[in-house]
C-alpha cells in the first residue's frame, strides 16, 4: 500500500507480511494499491482528521485518486485511522 502525491515528491509505503507491518519513504514499485493525493498538505489534513466525510470530499473533488485494489485501500483506511488516533 502506498500513499503518494501526484508529483511523486512525497510519499510513504507500507508492507503487510506475515502479520508484520513495515514502512518506508516514497512509492513502492510493487504496491497493490495507492492513494494518490494532489499534494501533501491536503493528504495530511484529510488523513489526520480521521474524518470519512473529508476523505470522501477529497476523492469526489479530484484531490485524491486511487490506483489498484480498492478493497485494500478501504481495509488500510480502517486500520490506519484508528492507529493514527
N, C-alpha and C. Protein backbone atom coordinates (compact mmCIF):
# COMPACT_ATOMS: atom_id res chain seq x y z
N UNK A 1 0.85 -1.17 0.00
CA UNK A 1 0.00 0.00 0.00
C UNK A 1 0.90 1.23 0.00
N UNK A 2 0.62 2.17 -0.88
CA UNK A 2 1.42 3.39 -0.94
C UNK A 2 0.50 4.61 -0.87
N UNK A 3 0.97 5.63 -0.19
CA UNK A 3 0.31 6.92 -0.14
C UNK A 3 1.32 7.91 -0.71
N UNK A 4 0.96 8.51 -1.85
CA UNK A 4 1.90 9.37 -2.54
C UNK A 4 1.21 10.65 -3.02
N UNK A 5 2.02 11.62 -3.39
CA UNK A 5 1.47 12.82 -4.03
C UNK A 5 1.55 12.64 -5.54
N UNK A 6 0.70 13.37 -6.24
CA UNK A 6 0.61 13.28 -7.70
C UNK A 6 1.97 13.52 -8.36
N UNK A 7 2.76 14.44 -7.79
CA UNK A 7 4.07 14.75 -8.38
C UNK A 7 5.18 13.81 -7.92
N UNK A 8 4.85 12.84 -7.08
CA UNK A 8 5.78 11.84 -6.54
C UNK A 8 6.89 12.44 -5.67
N UNK A 9 6.71 13.67 -5.21
CA UNK A 9 7.72 14.29 -4.35
C UNK A 9 7.61 13.83 -2.90
N UNK A 10 6.42 13.42 -2.48
CA UNK A 10 6.20 12.95 -1.11
C UNK A 10 5.46 11.62 -1.17
N UNK A 11 5.76 10.80 -0.20
CA UNK A 11 5.05 9.53 -0.15
C UNK A 11 5.58 8.61 0.92
N UNK A 12 4.82 7.57 1.14
CA UNK A 12 5.18 6.55 2.11
C UNK A 12 4.52 5.26 1.67
N UNK A 13 5.19 4.15 1.89
CA UNK A 13 4.58 2.87 1.58
C UNK A 13 4.60 1.96 2.80
N UNK A 14 3.67 1.02 2.80
CA UNK A 14 3.51 0.08 3.90
C UNK A 14 3.48 -1.32 3.32
N UNK A 15 4.19 -2.23 3.97
CA UNK A 15 4.23 -3.62 3.55
C UNK A 15 3.66 -4.47 4.69
N UNK A 16 2.63 -5.23 4.36
CA UNK A 16 1.99 -6.14 5.31
C UNK A 16 2.41 -7.55 4.93
N UNK A 17 3.13 -8.23 5.84
CA UNK A 17 3.62 -9.57 5.52
C UNK A 17 3.69 -10.40 6.79
N UNK A 18 3.00 -11.52 6.78
CA UNK A 18 3.01 -12.46 7.91
C UNK A 18 2.66 -11.78 9.23
N UNK A 19 1.70 -10.89 9.21
CA UNK A 19 1.24 -10.23 10.43
C UNK A 19 2.09 -9.05 10.87
N UNK A 20 3.15 -8.75 10.14
CA UNK A 20 4.02 -7.62 10.49
C UNK A 20 3.81 -6.50 9.49
N UNK A 21 4.03 -5.28 9.94
CA UNK A 21 3.91 -4.10 9.08
C UNK A 21 5.25 -3.37 9.10
N UNK A 22 5.76 -3.11 7.92
CA UNK A 22 6.96 -2.28 7.79
C UNK A 22 6.60 -1.11 6.87
N UNK A 23 7.38 -0.06 6.95
CA UNK A 23 7.10 1.11 6.12
C UNK A 23 8.39 1.72 5.63
N UNK A 24 8.25 2.53 4.60
CA UNK A 24 9.40 3.23 4.06
C UNK A 24 8.95 4.47 3.32
N UNK A 25 9.89 5.30 2.98
CA UNK A 25 9.57 6.53 2.28
C UNK A 25 9.34 6.30 0.80
N UNK A 26 8.49 7.13 0.22
CA UNK A 26 8.23 7.09 -1.21
C UNK A 26 7.28 5.99 -1.64
N UNK A 27 7.11 5.91 -2.94
CA UNK A 27 6.25 4.90 -3.54
C UNK A 27 6.96 3.55 -3.48
N UNK A 28 6.24 2.49 -3.73
CA UNK A 28 6.82 1.16 -3.83
C UNK A 28 6.42 0.58 -5.18
N UNK A 29 7.38 0.10 -5.96
CA UNK A 29 7.05 -0.37 -7.31
C UNK A 29 6.09 -1.56 -7.34
N UNK A 30 5.99 -2.30 -6.25
CA UNK A 30 5.11 -3.48 -6.22
C UNK A 30 3.85 -3.24 -5.40
N UNK A 31 3.50 -2.00 -5.11
CA UNK A 31 2.30 -1.71 -4.31
C UNK A 31 1.06 -2.23 -5.03
N UNK A 32 0.20 -2.92 -4.27
CA UNK A 32 -1.05 -3.43 -4.83
C UNK A 32 -2.12 -2.35 -4.92
N UNK A 33 -1.92 -1.26 -4.17
CA UNK A 33 -2.89 -0.16 -4.16
C UNK A 33 -2.17 1.12 -3.78
N UNK A 34 -2.69 2.23 -4.29
CA UNK A 34 -2.11 3.54 -3.99
C UNK A 34 -3.21 4.56 -3.76
N UNK A 35 -2.97 5.45 -2.79
CA UNK A 35 -3.74 6.67 -2.64
C UNK A 35 -2.86 7.76 -3.21
N UNK A 36 -3.35 8.46 -4.21
CA UNK A 36 -2.56 9.48 -4.89
C UNK A 36 -3.21 10.83 -4.63
N UNK A 37 -2.56 11.65 -3.79
CA UNK A 37 -3.09 12.93 -3.35
C UNK A 37 -2.59 14.05 -4.23
N UNK A 38 -3.38 15.11 -4.36
CA UNK A 38 -3.00 16.29 -5.13
C UNK A 38 -1.71 16.89 -4.58
N UNK A 39 -1.62 17.00 -3.25
CA UNK A 39 -0.39 17.48 -2.61
C UNK A 39 -0.35 16.99 -1.16
N UNK A 40 0.78 17.19 -0.52
CA UNK A 40 0.97 16.65 0.83
C UNK A 40 0.13 17.38 1.88
N UNK A 41 -0.16 18.65 1.68
CA UNK A 41 -0.97 19.39 2.66
C UNK A 41 -2.40 18.85 2.71
N UNK A 42 -2.97 18.59 1.55
CA UNK A 42 -4.32 18.03 1.50
C UNK A 42 -4.33 16.63 2.09
N UNK A 43 -3.32 15.83 1.76
CA UNK A 43 -3.23 14.47 2.29
C UNK A 43 -3.16 14.48 3.80
N UNK A 44 -2.29 15.30 4.35
CA UNK A 44 -2.14 15.35 5.81
C UNK A 44 -3.42 15.80 6.48
N UNK A 45 -4.03 16.85 5.95
CA UNK A 45 -5.26 17.38 6.57
C UNK A 45 -6.37 16.33 6.57
N UNK A 46 -6.55 15.65 5.47
CA UNK A 46 -7.63 14.65 5.39
C UNK A 46 -7.31 13.42 6.24
N UNK A 47 -6.09 12.92 6.15
CA UNK A 47 -5.75 11.71 6.90
C UNK A 47 -5.70 11.98 8.40
N UNK A 48 -5.12 13.09 8.80
CA UNK A 48 -5.01 13.40 10.23
C UNK A 48 -6.37 13.69 10.85
N UNK A 49 -7.32 14.18 10.05
CA UNK A 49 -8.64 14.48 10.59
C UNK A 49 -9.41 13.22 10.96
N UNK A 50 -9.04 12.10 10.34
CA UNK A 50 -9.73 10.82 10.56
C UNK A 50 -11.23 10.97 10.30
N UNK A 51 -11.56 11.85 9.39
CA UNK A 51 -12.95 12.17 9.09
C UNK A 51 -13.31 11.59 7.73
N UNK A 52 -14.22 10.62 7.71
CA UNK A 52 -14.61 9.98 6.46
C UNK A 52 -15.21 10.97 5.47
N UNK A 53 -15.93 11.97 5.95
CA UNK A 53 -16.54 12.97 5.09
C UNK A 53 -15.44 13.76 4.35
N UNK A 54 -14.43 14.17 5.08
CA UNK A 54 -13.33 14.94 4.48
C UNK A 54 -12.56 14.09 3.46
N UNK A 55 -12.36 12.82 3.81
CA UNK A 55 -11.70 11.87 2.92
C UNK A 55 -12.52 11.72 1.64
N UNK A 56 -13.83 11.55 1.78
CA UNK A 56 -14.73 11.40 0.64
C UNK A 56 -14.78 12.64 -0.24
N UNK A 57 -14.79 13.81 0.41
CA UNK A 57 -14.79 15.07 -0.37
C UNK A 57 -13.54 15.20 -1.21
N UNK A 58 -12.39 14.78 -0.66
CA UNK A 58 -11.15 14.84 -1.43
C UNK A 58 -11.24 13.90 -2.64
N UNK A 59 -11.82 12.74 -2.44
CA UNK A 59 -11.97 11.78 -3.52
C UNK A 59 -12.93 12.30 -4.60
N UNK A 60 -14.08 12.77 -4.17
CA UNK A 60 -15.07 13.27 -5.12
C UNK A 60 -14.65 14.59 -5.77
N UNK A 61 -13.83 15.37 -5.08
CA UNK A 61 -13.37 16.65 -5.61
C UNK A 61 -12.14 16.56 -6.50
N UNK A 62 -11.64 15.35 -6.73
CA UNK A 62 -10.48 15.18 -7.60
C UNK A 62 -9.15 15.47 -6.95
N UNK A 63 -9.14 15.69 -5.63
CA UNK A 63 -7.88 15.95 -4.92
C UNK A 63 -7.23 14.65 -4.45
N UNK A 64 -7.95 13.54 -4.62
CA UNK A 64 -7.47 12.21 -4.26
C UNK A 64 -7.90 11.25 -5.35
N UNK A 65 -6.95 10.44 -5.78
CA UNK A 65 -7.25 9.37 -6.74
C UNK A 65 -6.75 8.06 -6.14
N UNK A 66 -7.28 6.98 -6.66
CA UNK A 66 -6.80 5.67 -6.20
C UNK A 66 -6.33 4.87 -7.40
N UNK A 67 -5.42 3.96 -7.13
CA UNK A 67 -4.89 3.08 -8.15
C UNK A 67 -4.76 1.70 -7.52
N UNK A 68 -5.25 0.69 -8.18
CA UNK A 68 -5.11 -0.66 -7.67
C UNK A 68 -6.37 -1.15 -6.97
N UNK A 69 -6.18 -2.08 -6.07
CA UNK A 69 -7.28 -2.77 -5.40
C UNK A 69 -7.98 -1.87 -4.38
N UNK A 70 -9.19 -1.44 -4.70
CA UNK A 70 -9.95 -0.54 -3.83
C UNK A 70 -10.25 -1.21 -2.49
N UNK A 71 -10.46 -2.51 -2.48
CA UNK A 71 -10.72 -3.21 -1.22
C UNK A 71 -9.53 -3.09 -0.26
N UNK A 72 -8.32 -3.13 -0.80
CA UNK A 72 -7.13 -2.96 0.05
C UNK A 72 -7.06 -1.54 0.60
N UNK A 73 -7.45 -0.58 -0.21
CA UNK A 73 -7.44 0.81 0.24
C UNK A 73 -8.42 1.00 1.39
N UNK A 74 -9.62 0.44 1.25
CA UNK A 74 -10.62 0.56 2.32
C UNK A 74 -10.15 -0.15 3.59
N UNK A 75 -9.56 -1.32 3.45
CA UNK A 75 -9.03 -2.05 4.61
C UNK A 75 -7.91 -1.25 5.27
N UNK A 76 -7.03 -0.68 4.46
CA UNK A 76 -5.94 0.12 5.01
C UNK A 76 -6.48 1.31 5.79
N UNK A 77 -7.49 1.98 5.22
CA UNK A 77 -8.08 3.12 5.91
C UNK A 77 -8.67 2.71 7.26
N UNK A 78 -9.30 1.56 7.30
CA UNK A 78 -9.90 1.09 8.55
C UNK A 78 -8.83 0.73 9.59
N UNK A 79 -7.67 0.34 9.14
CA UNK A 79 -6.56 0.03 10.06
C UNK A 79 -5.82 1.32 10.45
N UNK A 80 -5.56 2.16 9.46
CA UNK A 80 -4.71 3.33 9.68
C UNK A 80 -5.38 4.42 10.51
N UNK A 81 -6.67 4.67 10.28
CA UNK A 81 -7.35 5.74 11.01
C UNK A 81 -7.27 5.51 12.53
N UNK A 82 -7.64 4.35 13.04
CA UNK A 82 -7.53 4.14 14.49
C UNK A 82 -6.08 4.18 14.99
N UNK A 83 -5.14 3.72 14.18
CA UNK A 83 -3.74 3.72 14.58
C UNK A 83 -3.18 5.13 14.70
N UNK A 84 -3.75 6.07 13.92
CA UNK A 84 -3.27 7.45 13.95
C UNK A 84 -3.83 8.21 15.16
N UNK A 85 -4.85 7.65 15.79
CA UNK A 85 -5.51 8.33 16.92
C UNK A 85 -4.75 8.30 18.20
